[in-house]
Amino acid sequence: YVKTRLSKRMRWVKCVGARGDEPGPSARFGHTATCVKSSRFVVVFGGLARGDGDSKGALEDVVVYDARADAWFRPTITTPGPRARAFHSACAFRDSFVVIACGRDGREQFGDVWVLDCDAWTWTRRSSATMAPRDFASIVAIDAD
């Protein structure tokens, strides 16, 4: 669901993605959903699958809801990204980037930091920005040019 402003009131509206050919993200928990591009895109990353059989475990997929088009899509990401994880932290940076930090995959905690460029759809690992492995943390981006 997304919160939208219709007339003078805010209300929740279900994101059905009815206009797209792609289905929305699979059932999951422990994921992040980050708004970028002036809230046009909601970038869903990772989490733990809630399905049966092969769909259990940590996820590493990126699924994007385009609020303007009312459609889900899976961007073609051209670089290697972070390992599958859940209970990580995410925040938007400069309206075009999603920063992912920490989390766990069920066996191991992570202390790494990754940046997803939502213009080029590429991942970059920030090797200088590591921390003690943890999950359920919070992060915030500070633009300090």
Protein backbone atom coordinates (compact mmCIF):
# COMPACT_ATOMS: atom_id res chain seq x y z
CA TYR A 1 0.00 0.00 0.00
CA VAL A 2 1.11 3.58 -0.58
CA LYS A 3 -0.13 6.72 1.08
CA THR A 4 -1.42 9.24 -1.45
CA ARG A 5 -2.88 12.71 -1.27
CA LEU A 6 -6.29 12.91 -2.88
CA SER A 7 -7.96 16.29 -2.48
CA LYS A 8 -7.18 17.50 1.04
CA ARG A 9 -6.95 14.11 2.76
CA MET A 10 -4.27 11.45 2.87
CA ARG A 11 -5.37 7.86 2.38
CA TRP A 12 -3.90 4.41 1.74
CA VAL A 13 -4.30 2.95 -1.76
CA LYS A 14 -3.36 -0.62 -2.70
CA CYS A 15 -0.49 -0.85 -5.23
CA VAL A 16 -1.88 -3.34 -7.68
CA GLY A 17 0.57 -2.69 -10.50
CA ALA A 18 -2.30 -3.43 -12.84
CA ARG A 19 -0.77 -1.68 -15.84
CA GLY A 20 2.48 -3.65 -15.88
CA ASP A 21 3.36 -7.06 -17.25
CA GLU A 22 5.55 -7.95 -14.25
CA PRO A 23 4.10 -9.33 -11.02
CA GLY A 24 4.94 -7.57 -7.78
CA PRO A 25 7.51 -8.91 -5.34
CA SER A 26 7.06 -12.37 -3.89
CA ALA A 27 5.73 -12.70 -0.34
CA ARG A 28 8.52 -11.72 2.05
CA PHE A 29 9.44 -10.12 5.35
CA GLY A 30 12.58 -8.41 6.64
CA HIS A 31 12.97 -6.49 3.35
CA THR A 32 13.36 -2.78 2.71
CA ALA A 33 11.26 -0.48 0.53
CA THR A 34 12.91 2.84 -0.32
CA CYS A 35 11.43 5.79 -2.26
CA VAL A 36 13.60 7.47 -4.90
CA LYS A 37 13.07 9.69 -7.93
CA SER A 38 10.80 12.16 -6.09
CA SER A 39 8.76 9.21 -4.76
CA ARG A 40 8.08 7.88 -8.25
CA PHE A 41 9.87 4.58 -7.57
CA VAL A 42 9.64 2.34 -4.51
CA VAL A 43 12.68 0.05 -4.58
CA VAL A 44 12.09 -3.25 -2.74
CA PHE A 45 15.25 -5.18 -1.87
CA GLY A 46 15.92 -8.51 -0.18
CA GLY A 47 14.11 -10.02 2.76
CA LEU A 48 13.18 -13.58 3.62
CA ALA A 49 10.82 -15.51 1.37
CA ARG A 50 7.53 -16.68 2.83
CA GLY A 51 6.89 -19.45 0.31
CA ASP A 52 7.19 -23.19 0.12
CA GLY A 53 9.87 -25.35 -1.48
CA ASP A 54 12.63 -23.55 -3.36
CA SER A 55 11.40 -20.07 -2.47
CA LYS A 56 12.50 -20.15 1.19
CA GLY A 57 15.49 -18.23 2.49
CA ALA A 58 17.16 -14.85 2.05
CA LEU A 59 16.50 -12.92 -1.17
CA GLU A 60 18.76 -10.66 -3.21
CA ASP A 61 16.30 -9.41 -5.78
CA VAL A 62 15.37 -5.83 -6.64
CA VAL A 63 11.73 -5.17 -7.57
CA VAL A 64 10.55 -1.63 -8.29
CA TYR A 65 7.07 -0.13 -8.14
CA ASP A 66 6.60 2.80 -10.52
CA ALA A 67 3.85 4.88 -8.87
CA ARG A 68 3.31 7.05 -11.92
CA ALA A 69 2.74 4.05 -14.22
CA ASP A 70 1.10 1.88 -11.53
CA ALA A 71 3.38 -0.97 -12.59
CA TRP A 72 6.04 -3.26 -11.09
CA PHE A 73 9.30 -3.95 -12.92
CA ARG A 74 12.55 -5.79 -12.34
CA PRO A 75 15.44 -3.63 -13.53
CA THR A 76 18.33 -5.21 -15.40
CA ILE A 77 21.22 -4.70 -13.01
CA THR A 78 24.55 -4.90 -14.82
CA THR A 79 26.95 -5.32 -11.89
CA PRO A 80 27.30 -7.82 -9.03
CA GLY A 81 25.40 -6.76 -5.92
CA PRO A 82 25.16 -7.59 -2.24
CA ARG A 83 24.63 -11.12 -1.00
CA ALA A 84 21.06 -12.16 -0.26
CA ARG A 85 19.95 -10.70 3.07
CA ALA A 86 17.15 -9.67 5.36
CA PHE A 87 16.80 -7.33 8.34
CA HIS A 88 19.22 -4.90 6.67
CA SER A 89 18.93 -1.12 6.57
CA ALA A 90 18.26 1.12 3.59
CA CYS A 91 17.88 4.81 2.85
CA ALA A 92 17.66 7.06 -0.19
CA PHE A 93 20.55 9.37 -1.09
CA ARG A 94 20.38 12.30 -3.52
CA ASP A 95 17.05 10.98 -4.86
CA SER A 96 18.76 8.53 -7.27
CA PHE A 97 20.56 6.14 -4.97
CA VAL A 98 19.54 3.46 -2.48
CA VAL A 99 22.08 2.71 0.25
CA ILE A 100 21.93 -0.81 1.75
CA ALA A 101 23.85 -1.71 4.91
CA CYS A 102 24.31 -4.69 7.20
CA GLY A 103 21.67 -7.42 7.65
CA ARG A 104 21.84 -11.21 7.76
CA ASP A 105 21.22 -14.20 5.53
CA GLY A 106 20.17 -16.66 8.24
CA ARG A 107 23.70 -17.92 8.88
CA GLU A 108 25.86 -14.80 8.94
CA GLN A 109 25.56 -11.11 9.83
CA PHE A 110 26.95 -8.49 7.46
CA GLY A 111 28.69 -5.17 8.06
CA ASP A 112 29.02 -4.07 4.45
CA VAL A 113 27.58 -1.05 2.63
CA TRP A 114 26.28 -1.08 -0.95
CA VAL A 115 24.85 1.67 -3.18
CA LEU A 116 22.32 1.03 -5.95
CA ASP A 117 22.37 3.72 -8.66
CA CYS A 118 18.73 3.94 -9.80
CA ASP A 119 19.66 5.81 -13.01
CA ALA A 120 22.18 3.25 -14.31
CA TRP A 121 20.86 0.28 -12.28
CA THR A 122 24.32 -0.65 -11.02
CA TRP A 123 25.55 -1.75 -7.59
CA THR A 124 28.75 -0.39 -6.00
CA ARG A 125 30.27 -1.71 -2.80
CA ARG A 126 31.55 1.05 -0.51
CA SER A 127 34.64 -0.72 0.82
CA SER A 128 35.62 2.26 2.96
CA ALA A 129 32.26 2.26 4.77
CA THR A 130 32.24 -0.98 6.74
CA MET A 131 31.00 -1.48 10.29
CA ALA A 132 30.65 -4.24 12.82
CA PRO A 133 28.23 -6.87 11.45
CA ARG A 134 24.68 -6.29 12.68
CA ASP A 135 21.04 -6.49 11.73
CA PHE A 136 17.97 -4.42 12.66
CA ALA A 137 20.10 -1.26 12.47
CA SER A 138 19.12 2.16 11.12
CA ILE A 139 20.97 4.36 8.65
CA VAL A 140 20.48 7.87 7.35
CA ALA A 141 22.23 9.60 4.44
CA ILE A 142 23.85 12.97 5.07
CA ASP A 143 24.86 14.88 1.96
CA ALA A 144 28.08 16.59 2.98
CA ASP A 145 29.65 17.86 -0.24
